[in-house]
Amino acid sequence: MTHVNVLDPGASPLDYYGFELRRYREAAGLTQRQLGEILNYTGSLVGQIETARKLPTLEFSQRADAALNTGGLLSRLVALVMRSQLPAWFQQVAELQARAIEICSFETHMVHGLLQTKDYARAVLGVLDPTNLDDRVTVRLARQNIFEKEEPPVFWAILSEGALHQEMGGPGTMRDQLAHLLSFEHNPRVNIQVLPFTEGAHAGLQGSFDIYRFAGDPTIVYTEGYGSGHPTANPDTVKDCSLRYDHLQAAALSLRDSAELIQRVMEDRYGEQLA
């Protein structure tokens, strides 16, 4: 267990965050309990974050910044903290997602992590590995903060229809997940299409992939295996996957028809209409 008196701010981004939180709190003359009362959290939680035993959330950071007059330091640090908690092989991908101006994703069997609800992410991440599940879910959901940026990326997501039927976490979880997808229907920066079963053979049969495009850097194609990720800027691979994505978009349902299918599956398979 990390002790507050020996916390090393250079040990990790999480330790640095805790060190800074403690420094600002003490400069304000507040105890952990007093700060917790101001932020509407427990003093115990403040202590756990200060000693790098608990991950801070963006909401906690924003409240602490306002209460301690940090100039937004903790809110800026929280993204670095969350990225540092990702598996080493995925940290580069999270950085690509944060820098991209456009993300194009094709998923064969589940909803992309940037669109997952908390319960859906918990069901996905908990398979075979229930350790530190709360923190791992928090880290995954934190990646979705890229959509809150002043200039968020344009996100094109193509889901195989199978992803709507692959039941993760039970009917309630799936119902909420599909409703979450429908919540983006009128967001021009998040565009969701469904590749229907009726399409048969298609350009994505080799598996899921992402394409990341940037303002001034080469396009990156990302594929994923078990416990490993494979980003590449190889021009031939980028050209091939870009062509495949164009064909997948042409084969997928329109945005409106996709939303109608998602709602129909939600109603028929998971038993509740969207209010």
C-alpha atoms as a PDB file:
ATOM      1  CA  MET A   1       0.000   0.000   0.000  1.00  0.00           C
ATOM      2  CA  THR A   2       1.344   3.436  -0.952  1.00  0.00           C
ATOM      3  CA  HIS A   3       1.835   5.766   2.011  1.00  0.00           C
ATOM      4  CA  VAL A   4       1.174   9.468   1.602  1.00  0.00           C
ATOM      5  CA  ASN A   5       4.509  10.448   3.135  1.00  0.00           C
ATOM      6  CA  VAL A   6       6.527   8.456   0.605  1.00  0.00           C
ATOM      7  CA  LEU A   7       4.431   9.132  -2.483  1.00  0.00           C
ATOM      8  CA  ASP A   8       6.840   9.711  -5.379  1.00  0.00           C
ATOM      9  CA  PRO A   9       5.381  12.128  -7.954  1.00  0.00           C
ATOM     10  CA  GLY A  10       7.779  10.774 -10.554  1.00  0.00           C
ATOM     11  CA  ALA A  11       6.681   7.161 -10.150  1.00  0.00           C
ATOM     12  CA  SER A  12       3.663   7.383 -12.462  1.00  0.00           C
ATOM     13  CA  PRO A  13       1.051   9.843 -13.741  1.00  0.00           C
ATOM     14  CA  LEU A  14      -1.315   8.543 -11.045  1.00  0.00           C
ATOM     15  CA  ASP A  15       1.251   9.266  -8.316  1.00  0.00           C
ATOM     16  CA  TYR A  16       1.881  12.725  -9.770  1.00  0.00           C
ATOM     17  CA  TYR A  17      -1.859  13.460  -9.792  1.00  0.00           C
ATOM     18  CA  GLY A  18      -2.155  12.392  -6.131  1.00  0.00           C
ATOM     19  CA  PHE A  19       0.873  14.468  -5.165  1.00  0.00           C
ATOM     20  CA  GLU A  20      -0.567  17.590  -6.829  1.00  0.00           C
ATOM     21  CA  LEU A  21      -4.015  17.065  -5.333  1.00  0.00           C
ATOM     22  CA  ARG A  22      -2.515  16.805  -1.869  1.00  0.00           C
ATOM     23  CA  ARG A  23      -0.283  19.842  -2.441  1.00  0.00           C
ATOM     24  CA  TYR A  24      -3.196  22.042  -3.521  1.00  0.00           C
ATOM     25  CA  ARG A  25      -5.439  20.756  -0.729  1.00  0.00           C
ATOM     26  CA  GLU A  26      -2.862  21.488   1.945  1.00  0.00           C
ATOM     27  CA  ALA A  27      -2.151  24.930   0.456  1.00  0.00           C
ATOM     28  CA  ALA A  28      -5.874  25.657   0.814  1.00  0.00           C
ATOM     29  CA  GLY A  29      -5.742  24.612   4.474  1.00  0.00           C
ATOM     30  CA  LEU A  30      -8.272  21.818   4.033  1.00  0.00           C
ATOM     31  CA  THR A  31      -8.377  18.313   5.443  1.00  0.00           C
ATOM     32  CA  GLN A  32      -9.316  15.400   3.232  1.00  0.00           C
ATOM     33  CA  ARG A  33     -12.732  15.290   4.888  1.00  0.00           C
ATOM     34  CA  GLN A  34     -13.299  19.011   4.354  1.00  0.00           C
ATOM     35  CA  LEU A  35     -12.342  18.831   0.703  1.00  0.00           C
ATOM     36  CA  GLY A  36     -14.564  15.796   0.275  1.00  0.00           C
ATOM     37  CA  GLU A  37     -17.521  17.714   1.702  1.00  0.00           C
ATOM     38  CA  ILE A  38     -16.902  20.600  -0.710  1.00  0.00           C
ATOM     39  CA  LEU A  39     -16.665  18.225  -3.687  1.00  0.00           C
ATOM     40  CA  ASN A  40     -19.562  16.032  -2.528  1.00  0.00           C
ATOM     41  CA  TYR A  41     -17.291  13.005  -2.184  1.00  0.00           C
ATOM     42  CA  THR A  42     -16.040  11.201   0.916  1.00  0.00           C
ATOM     43  CA  GLY A  43     -12.820  12.194   2.605  1.00  0.00           C
ATOM     44  CA  SER A  44     -11.803   8.563   2.256  1.00  0.00           C
ATOM     45  CA  LEU A  45     -12.020   8.807  -1.525  1.00  0.00           C
ATOM     46  CA  VAL A  46      -9.912  11.970  -1.499  1.00  0.00           C
ATOM     47  CA  GLY A  47      -7.311  10.109   0.555  1.00  0.00           C
ATOM     48  CA  GLN A  48      -7.316   7.123  -1.782  1.00  0.00           C
ATOM     49  CA  ILE A  49      -6.770   9.348  -4.792  1.00  0.00           C
ATOM     50  CA  GLU A  50      -4.018  11.277  -3.028  1.00  0.00           C
ATOM     51  CA  THR A  51      -2.203   8.038  -2.271  1.00  0.00           C
ATOM     52  CA  ALA A  52      -2.614   6.612  -5.796  1.00  0.00           C
ATOM     53  CA  ARG A  53      -4.930   3.828  -4.654  1.00  0.00           C
ATOM     54  CA  LYS A  54      -7.972   5.070  -6.575  1.00  0.00           C
ATOM     55  CA  LEU A  55      -8.364   6.518 -10.056  1.00  0.00           C
ATOM     56  CA  PRO A  56      -9.751  10.059 -10.279  1.00  0.00           C
ATOM     57  CA  THR A  57     -12.600  10.727 -12.683  1.00  0.00           C
ATOM     58  CA  LEU A  58     -12.962  13.760 -14.921  1.00  0.00           C
ATOM     59  CA  GLU A  59     -15.918  14.947 -12.817  1.00  0.00           C
ATOM     60  CA  PHE A  60     -13.880  14.703  -9.616  1.00  0.00           C
ATOM     61  CA  SER A  61     -11.016  16.560 -11.283  1.00  0.00           C
ATOM     62  CA  GLN A  62     -13.227  19.368 -12.540  1.00  0.00           C
ATOM     63  CA  ARG A  63     -14.758  19.861  -9.105  1.00  0.00           C
ATOM     64  CA  ALA A  64     -11.350  19.798  -7.425  1.00  0.00           C
ATOM     65  CA  ASP A  65      -9.944  22.286  -9.941  1.00  0.00           C
ATOM     66  CA  ALA A  66     -12.772  24.701  -9.174  1.00  0.00           C
ATOM     67  CA  ALA A  67     -12.538  24.264  -5.394  1.00  0.00           C
ATOM     68  CA  LEU A  68      -8.742  24.502  -5.206  1.00  0.00           C
ATOM     69  CA  ASN A  69      -8.231  27.109  -7.946  1.00  0.00           C
ATOM     70  CA  THR A  70      -5.686  24.963  -9.802  1.00  0.00           C
ATOM     71  CA  GLY A  71      -6.171  26.585 -13.190  1.00  0.00           C
ATOM     72  CA  GLY A  72      -7.510  23.322 -14.599  1.00  0.00           C
ATOM     73  CA  LEU A  73      -4.366  21.300 -13.808  1.00  0.00           C
ATOM     74  CA  LEU A  74      -6.122  18.183 -12.509  1.00  0.00           C
ATOM     75  CA  SER A  75      -8.557  18.043 -15.427  1.00  0.00           C
ATOM     76  CA  ARG A  76      -5.601  18.176 -17.807  1.00  0.00           C
ATOM     77  CA  LEU A  77      -3.756  15.485 -15.874  1.00  0.00           C
ATOM     78  CA  VAL A  78      -6.661  13.047 -15.699  1.00  0.00           C
ATOM     79  CA  ALA A  79      -6.396  12.133 -19.390  1.00  0.00           C
ATOM     80  CA  LEU A  80      -2.718  11.261 -18.902  1.00  0.00           C
ATOM     81  CA  VAL A  81      -3.579   9.250 -15.795  1.00  0.00           C
ATOM     82  CA  MET A  82      -6.240   7.245 -17.612  1.00  0.00           C
ATOM     83  CA  ARG A  83      -3.984   6.559 -20.590  1.00  0.00           C
ATOM     84  CA  SER A  84      -1.221   5.320 -18.289  1.00  0.00           C
ATOM     85  CA  GLN A  85      -3.610   2.729 -16.830  1.00  0.00           C
ATOM     86  CA  LEU A  86      -4.244   1.102 -20.191  1.00  0.00           C
ATOM     87  CA  PRO A  87      -2.339  -2.054 -21.152  1.00  0.00           C
ATOM     88  CA  ALA A  88       1.057  -1.048 -22.522  1.00  0.00           C
ATOM     89  CA  TRP A  89       0.218  -2.387 -25.978  1.00  0.00           C
ATOM     90  CA  PHE A  90      -2.918  -0.202 -26.160  1.00  0.00           C
ATOM     91  CA  GLN A  91      -1.499   3.098 -24.905  1.00  0.00           C
ATOM     92  CA  GLN A  92      -0.285   4.091 -28.362  1.00  0.00           C
ATOM     93  CA  VAL A  93      -3.756   3.445 -29.785  1.00  0.00           C
ATOM     94  CA  ALA A  94      -5.392   5.647 -27.148  1.00  0.00           C
ATOM     95  CA  GLU A  95      -2.981   8.412 -28.126  1.00  0.00           C
ATOM     96  CA  LEU A  96      -3.910   7.950 -31.795  1.00  0.00           C
ATOM     97  CA  GLN A  97      -7.599   8.218 -30.911  1.00  0.00           C
ATOM     98  CA  ALA A  98      -6.942  11.397 -28.940  1.00  0.00           C
ATOM     99  CA  ARG A  99      -5.045  13.050 -31.833  1.00  0.00           C
ATOM    100  CA  ALA A 100      -7.132  11.873 -34.788  1.00  0.00           C
ATOM    101  CA  ILE A 101      -9.386  14.256 -36.676  1.00  0.00           C
ATOM    102  CA  GLU A 102     -11.287  11.323 -38.201  1.00  0.00           C
ATOM    103  CA  ILE A 103     -11.778   7.747 -37.005  1.00  0.00           C
ATOM    104  CA  CYS A 104     -13.283   5.064 -39.213  1.00  0.00           C
ATOM    105  CA  SER A 105     -14.119   1.801 -37.475  1.00  0.00           C
ATOM    106  CA  PHE A 106     -15.479  -1.556 -38.597  1.00  0.00           C
ATOM    107  CA  GLU A 107     -16.534  -4.019 -35.895  1.00  0.00           C
ATOM    108  CA  THR A 108     -17.592  -7.577 -36.622  1.00  0.00           C
ATOM    109  CA  HIS A 109     -19.081  -8.743 -33.319  1.00  0.00           C
ATOM    110  CA  MET A 110     -19.300  -6.008 -30.673  1.00  0.00           C
ATOM    111  CA  VAL A 111     -19.799  -2.282 -30.186  1.00  0.00           C
ATOM    112  CA  HIS A 112     -16.630  -0.206 -30.450  1.00  0.00           C
ATOM    113  CA  GLY A 113     -15.105   0.848 -27.113  1.00  0.00           C
ATOM    114  CA  LEU A 114     -15.663   4.534 -27.883  1.00  0.00           C
ATOM    115  CA  LEU A 115     -19.416   3.872 -28.004  1.00  0.00           C
ATOM    116  CA  GLN A 116     -19.806   1.409 -25.123  1.00  0.00           C
ATOM    117  CA  THR A 117     -21.952   2.015 -22.053  1.00  0.00           C
ATOM    118  CA  LYS A 118     -20.584   1.296 -18.601  1.00  0.00           C
ATOM    119  CA  ASP A 119     -22.423  -2.015 -18.163  1.00  0.00           C
ATOM    120  CA  TYR A 120     -21.592  -3.195 -21.680  1.00  0.00           C
ATOM    121  CA  ALA A 121     -17.911  -2.366 -21.157  1.00  0.00           C
ATOM    122  CA  ARG A 122     -17.999  -4.187 -17.826  1.00  0.00           C
ATOM    123  CA  ALA A 123     -19.395  -7.317 -19.490  1.00  0.00           C
ATOM    124  CA  VAL A 124     -16.749  -7.192 -22.231  1.00  0.00           C
ATOM    125  CA  LEU A 125     -13.782  -6.507 -19.949  1.00  0.00           C
ATOM    126  CA  GLY A 126     -14.884  -9.005 -17.300  1.00  0.00           C
ATOM    127  CA  VAL A 127     -14.564 -12.060 -19.539  1.00  0.00           C
ATOM    128  CA  LEU A 128     -11.885 -14.325 -17.984  1.00  0.00           C
ATOM    129  CA  ASP A 129     -10.441 -11.425 -15.973  1.00  0.00           C
ATOM    130  CA  PRO A 130     -12.530  -9.831 -13.198  1.00  0.00           C
ATOM    131  CA  THR A 131      -9.521  -8.185 -11.501  1.00  0.00           C
ATOM    132  CA  ASN A 132      -9.637  -4.400 -10.978  1.00  0.00           C
ATOM    133  CA  LEU A 133     -12.762  -4.356 -13.108  1.00  0.00           C
ATOM    134  CA  ASP A 134     -14.137  -1.041 -11.821  1.00  0.00           C
ATOM    135  CA  ASP A 135     -10.907   0.795 -12.615  1.00  0.00           C
ATOM    136  CA  ARG A 136     -10.563  -0.862 -16.021  1.00  0.00           C
ATOM    137  CA  VAL A 137     -14.112   0.154 -16.956  1.00  0.00           C
ATOM    138  CA  THR A 138     -13.429   3.714 -15.786  1.00  0.00           C
ATOM    139  CA  VAL A 139     -10.314   3.841 -17.954  1.00  0.00           C
ATOM    140  CA  ARG A 140     -12.156   2.553 -21.014  1.00  0.00           C
ATOM    141  CA  LEU A 141     -14.999   5.050 -20.643  1.00  0.00           C
ATOM    142  CA  ALA A 142     -12.507   7.874 -20.133  1.00  0.00           C
ATOM    143  CA  ARG A 143     -11.354   7.410 -23.727  1.00  0.00           C
ATOM    144  CA  GLN A 144     -14.774   8.660 -24.804  1.00  0.00           C
ATOM    145  CA  ASN A 145     -13.834  12.119 -23.530  1.00  0.00           C
ATOM    146  CA  ILE A 146     -12.328  12.791 -26.957  1.00  0.00           C
ATOM    147  CA  PHE A 147     -15.889  13.592 -28.050  1.00  0.00           C
ATOM    148  CA  GLU A 148     -16.006  16.417 -25.492  1.00  0.00           C
ATOM    149  CA  LYS A 149     -13.044  18.272 -26.998  1.00  0.00           C
ATOM    150  CA  GLU A 150     -13.538  21.685 -28.570  1.00  0.00           C
ATOM    151  CA  GLU A 151     -12.826  20.041 -31.932  1.00  0.00           C
ATOM    152  CA  PRO A 152     -13.820  16.376 -31.522  1.00  0.00           C
ATOM    153  CA  PRO A 153     -12.964  13.868 -34.237  1.00  0.00           C
ATOM    154  CA  VAL A 154     -15.473  12.791 -36.835  1.00  0.00           C
ATOM    155  CA  PHE A 155     -16.262   9.163 -36.030  1.00  0.00           C
ATOM    156  CA  TRP A 156     -17.641   6.747 -38.611  1.00  0.00           C
ATOM    157  CA  ALA A 157     -18.618   3.400 -37.079  1.00  0.00           C
ATOM    158  CA  ILE A 158     -19.811   0.420 -39.101  1.00  0.00           C
ATOM    159  CA  LEU A 159     -21.171  -2.436 -37.001  1.00  0.00           C
ATOM    160  CA  SER A 160     -21.966  -5.866 -38.298  1.00  0.00           C
ATOM    161  CA  GLU A 161     -25.589  -6.673 -37.536  1.00  0.00           C
ATOM    162  CA  GLY A 162     -24.211  -9.503 -35.414  1.00  0.00           C
ATOM    163  CA  ALA A 163     -22.978  -6.942 -32.890  1.00  0.00           C
ATOM    164  CA  LEU A 164     -26.603  -6.014 -32.196  1.00  0.00           C
ATOM    165  CA  HIS A 165     -27.476  -9.625 -31.400  1.00  0.00           C
ATOM    166  CA  GLN A 166     -24.340 -10.733 -29.508  1.00  0.00           C
ATOM    167  CA  GLU A 167     -25.810 -10.361 -26.020  1.00  0.00           C
ATOM    168  CA  MET A 168     -23.295  -8.790 -23.651  1.00  0.00           C
ATOM    169  CA  GLY A 169     -24.315  -8.537 -20.002  1.00  0.00           C
ATOM    170  CA  GLY A 170     -27.952  -9.536 -20.450  1.00  0.00           C
ATOM    171  CA  PRO A 171     -31.035  -8.007 -22.114  1.00  0.00           C
ATOM    172  CA  GLY A 172     -31.071  -4.874 -19.961  1.00  0.00           C
ATOM    173  CA  THR A 173     -27.466  -4.074 -20.737  1.00  0.00           C
ATOM    174  CA  MET A 174     -28.050  -4.605 -24.448  1.00  0.00           C
ATOM    175  CA  ARG A 175     -31.215  -2.514 -24.439  1.00  0.00           C
ATOM    176  CA  ASP A 176     -29.340   0.368 -22.833  1.00  0.00           C
ATOM    177  CA  GLN A 177     -26.413  -0.082 -25.208  1.00  0.00           C
ATOM    178  CA  LEU A 178     -28.582   0.058 -28.301  1.00  0.00           C
ATOM    179  CA  ALA A 179     -30.431   3.073 -26.906  1.00  0.00           C
ATOM    180  CA  HIS A 180     -27.039   4.709 -26.420  1.00  0.00           C
ATOM    181  CA  LEU A 181     -26.210   4.104 -30.073  1.00  0.00           C
ATOM    182  CA  LEU A 182     -29.511   5.716 -31.055  1.00  0.00           C
ATOM    183  CA  SER A 183     -28.657   8.789 -28.959  1.00  0.00           C
ATOM    184  CA  PHE A 184     -26.062   9.733 -31.597  1.00  0.00           C
ATOM    185  CA  GLU A 185     -28.588   9.728 -34.436  1.00  0.00           C
ATOM    186  CA  HIS A 186     -28.563  13.508 -34.840  1.00  0.00           C
ATOM    187  CA  ASN A 187     -24.881  14.051 -34.013  1.00  0.00           C
ATOM    188  CA  PRO A 188     -23.076  14.812 -37.301  1.00  0.00           C
ATOM    189  CA  ARG A 189     -19.707  13.891 -35.792  1.00  0.00           C
ATOM    190  CA  VAL A 190     -20.728  10.387 -34.684  1.00  0.00           C
ATOM    191  CA  ASN A 191     -22.151   8.362 -37.552  1.00  0.00           C
ATOM    192  CA  ILE A 192     -23.272   4.763 -37.018  1.00  0.00           C
ATOM    193  CA  GLN A 193     -24.103   2.355 -39.835  1.00  0.00           C
ATOM    194  CA  VAL A 194     -25.074  -1.298 -39.665  1.00  0.00           C
ATOM    195  CA  LEU A 195     -23.836  -3.897 -42.140  1.00  0.00           C
ATOM    196  CA  PRO A 196     -26.862  -6.224 -42.437  1.00  0.00           C
ATOM    197  CA  PHE A 197     -26.762 -10.010 -42.458  1.00  0.00           C
ATOM    198  CA  THR A 198     -28.356  -9.927 -45.900  1.00  0.00           C
ATOM    199  CA  GLU A 199     -25.188  -8.425 -47.372  1.00  0.00           C
ATOM    200  CA  GLY A 200     -23.492 -11.831 -47.226  1.00  0.00           C
ATOM    201  CA  ALA A 201     -19.843 -11.791 -48.301  1.00  0.00           C
ATOM    202  CA  HIS A 202     -18.296  -8.362 -47.784  1.00  0.00           C
ATOM    203  CA  ALA A 203     -15.004  -6.464 -47.763  1.00  0.00           C
ATOM    204  CA  GLY A 204     -14.491  -6.864 -44.000  1.00  0.00           C
ATOM    205  CA  LEU A 205     -14.446 -10.642 -43.740  1.00  0.00           C
ATOM    206  CA  GLN A 206     -10.825 -10.604 -42.564  1.00  0.00           C
ATOM    207  CA  GLY A 207     -11.887  -8.898 -39.336  1.00  0.00           C
ATOM    208  CA  SER A 208     -12.337  -5.634 -37.487  1.00  0.00           C
ATOM    209  CA  PHE A 209     -10.095  -2.641 -38.117  1.00  0.00           C
ATOM    210  CA  ASP A 210      -9.815   1.082 -37.458  1.00  0.00           C
ATOM    211  CA  ILE A 211      -8.458   3.870 -39.644  1.00  0.00           C
ATOM    212  CA  TYR A 212      -7.084   7.011 -37.958  1.00  0.00           C
ATOM    213  CA  ARG A 213      -6.592  10.170 -39.996  1.00  0.00           C
ATOM    214  CA  PHE A 214      -4.692  13.231 -38.777  1.00  0.00           C
ATOM    215  CA  ALA A 215      -4.273  16.870 -39.731  1.00  0.00           C
ATOM    216  CA  GLY A 216      -0.585  16.580 -40.632  1.00  0.00           C
ATOM    217  CA  ASP A 217       0.557  12.992 -40.060  1.00  0.00           C
ATOM    218  CA  PRO A 218       0.232   9.808 -42.141  1.00  0.00           C
ATOM    219  CA  THR A 219      -2.972   7.769 -41.835  1.00  0.00           C
ATOM    220  CA  ILE A 220      -2.750   4.789 -39.468  1.00  0.00           C
ATOM    221  CA  VAL A 221      -4.549   1.447 -39.790  1.00  0.00           C
ATOM    222  CA  TYR A 222      -5.072  -0.439 -36.547  1.00  0.00           C
ATOM    223  CA  THR A 223      -5.957  -4.096 -36.084  1.00  0.00           C
ATOM    224  CA  GLU A 224      -6.079  -6.062 -32.854  1.00  0.00           C
ATOM    225  CA  GLY A 225      -5.313  -9.579 -31.697  1.00  0.00           C
ATOM    226  CA  TYR A 226      -5.434 -11.328 -28.345  1.00  0.00           C
ATOM    227  CA  GLY A 227      -3.467  -9.092 -25.996  1.00  0.00           C
ATOM    228  CA  SER A 228      -1.780  -7.164 -28.798  1.00  0.00           C
ATOM    229  CA  GLY A 229      -2.437  -4.267 -31.135  1.00  0.00           C
ATOM    230  CA  HIS A 230      -1.002  -3.636 -34.564  1.00  0.00           C
ATOM    231  CA  PRO A 231      -0.921  -0.019 -35.788  1.00  0.00           C
ATOM    232  CA  THR A 232       0.728   0.552 -39.162  1.00  0.00           C
ATOM    233  CA  ALA A 233       1.289   3.427 -41.566  1.00  0.00           C
ATOM    234  CA  ASN A 234       2.352   1.096 -44.382  1.00  0.00           C
ATOM    235  CA  PRO A 235       1.001   2.818 -47.528  1.00  0.00           C
ATOM    236  CA  ASP A 236      -0.149  -0.440 -49.114  1.00  0.00           C
ATOM    237  CA  THR A 237      -2.050  -1.482 -45.999  1.00  0.00           C
ATOM    238  CA  VAL A 238      -3.603   1.969 -45.625  1.00  0.00           C
ATOM    239  CA  LYS A 239      -4.640   1.963 -49.288  1.00  0.00           C
ATOM    240  CA  ASP A 240      -6.141  -1.538 -49.051  1.00  0.00           C
ATOM    241  CA  CYS A 241      -8.070  -0.875 -45.830  1.00  0.00           C
ATOM    242  CA  SER A 242      -9.306   2.512 -47.059  1.00  0.00           C
ATOM    243  CA  LEU A 243     -10.709   0.804 -50.155  1.00  0.00           C
ATOM    244  CA  ARG A 244     -12.270  -1.908 -48.004  1.00  0.00           C
ATOM    245  CA  TYR A 245     -13.859   0.720 -45.797  1.00  0.00           C
ATOM    246  CA  ASP A 246     -15.334   2.520 -48.812  1.00  0.00           C
ATOM    247  CA  HIS A 247     -16.920  -0.754 -49.916  1.00  0.00           C
ATOM    248  CA  LEU A 248     -18.210  -1.474 -46.402  1.00  0.00           C
ATOM    249  CA  GLN A 249     -19.835   1.948 -46.236  1.00  0.00           C
ATOM    250  CA  ALA A 250     -21.460   1.363 -49.606  1.00  0.00           C
ATOM    251  CA  ALA A 251     -22.766  -2.037 -48.476  1.00  0.00           C
ATOM    252  CA  ALA A 252     -23.980  -0.847 -45.064  1.00  0.00           C
ATOM    253  CA  LEU A 253     -27.432   0.572 -44.435  1.00  0.00           C
ATOM    254  CA  SER A 254     -27.876   4.342 -44.533  1.00  0.00           C
ATOM    255  CA  LEU A 255     -27.657   6.241 -41.257  1.00  0.00           C
ATOM    256  CA  ARG A 256     -31.457   6.439 -41.037  1.00  0.00           C
ATOM    257  CA  ASP A 257     -32.045   2.793 -41.980  1.00  0.00           C
ATOM    258  CA  SER A 258     -29.334   1.741 -39.542  1.00  0.00           C
ATOM    259  CA  ALA A 259     -31.047   3.608 -36.709  1.00  0.00           C
ATOM    260  CA  GLU A 260     -34.355   1.970 -37.612  1.00  0.00           C
ATOM    261  CA  LEU A 261     -32.752  -1.479 -37.537  1.00  0.00           C
ATOM    262  CA  ILE A 262     -31.069  -0.785 -34.197  1.00  0.00           C
ATOM    263  CA  GLN A 263     -34.390   0.299 -32.712  1.00  0.00           C
ATOM    264  CA  ARG A 264     -36.196  -2.714 -34.183  1.00  0.00           C
ATOM    265  CA  VAL A 265     -33.657  -5.124 -32.696  1.00  0.00           C
ATOM    266  CA  MET A 266     -33.857  -3.313 -29.357  1.00  0.00           C
ATOM    267  CA  GLU A 267     -37.635  -3.636 -29.316  1.00  0.00           C
ATOM    268  CA  ASP A 268     -37.990  -7.151 -30.734  1.00  0.00           C
ATOM    269  CA  ARG A 269     -35.018  -8.870 -29.081  1.00  0.00           C
ATOM    270  CA  TYR A 270     -34.605  -6.964 -25.838  1.00  0.00           C
ATOM    271  CA  GLY A 271     -38.229  -6.200 -25.110  1.00  0.00           C
ATOM    272  CA  GLU A 272     -38.614  -2.499 -24.604  1.00  0.00           C
ATOM    273  CA  GLN A 273     -39.370   0.413 -26.890  1.00  0.00           C
ATOM    274  CA  LEU A 274     -37.475   3.649 -26.711  1.00  0.00           C
ATOM    275  CA  ALA A 275     -39.608   6.222 -24.905  1.00  0.00           C
END
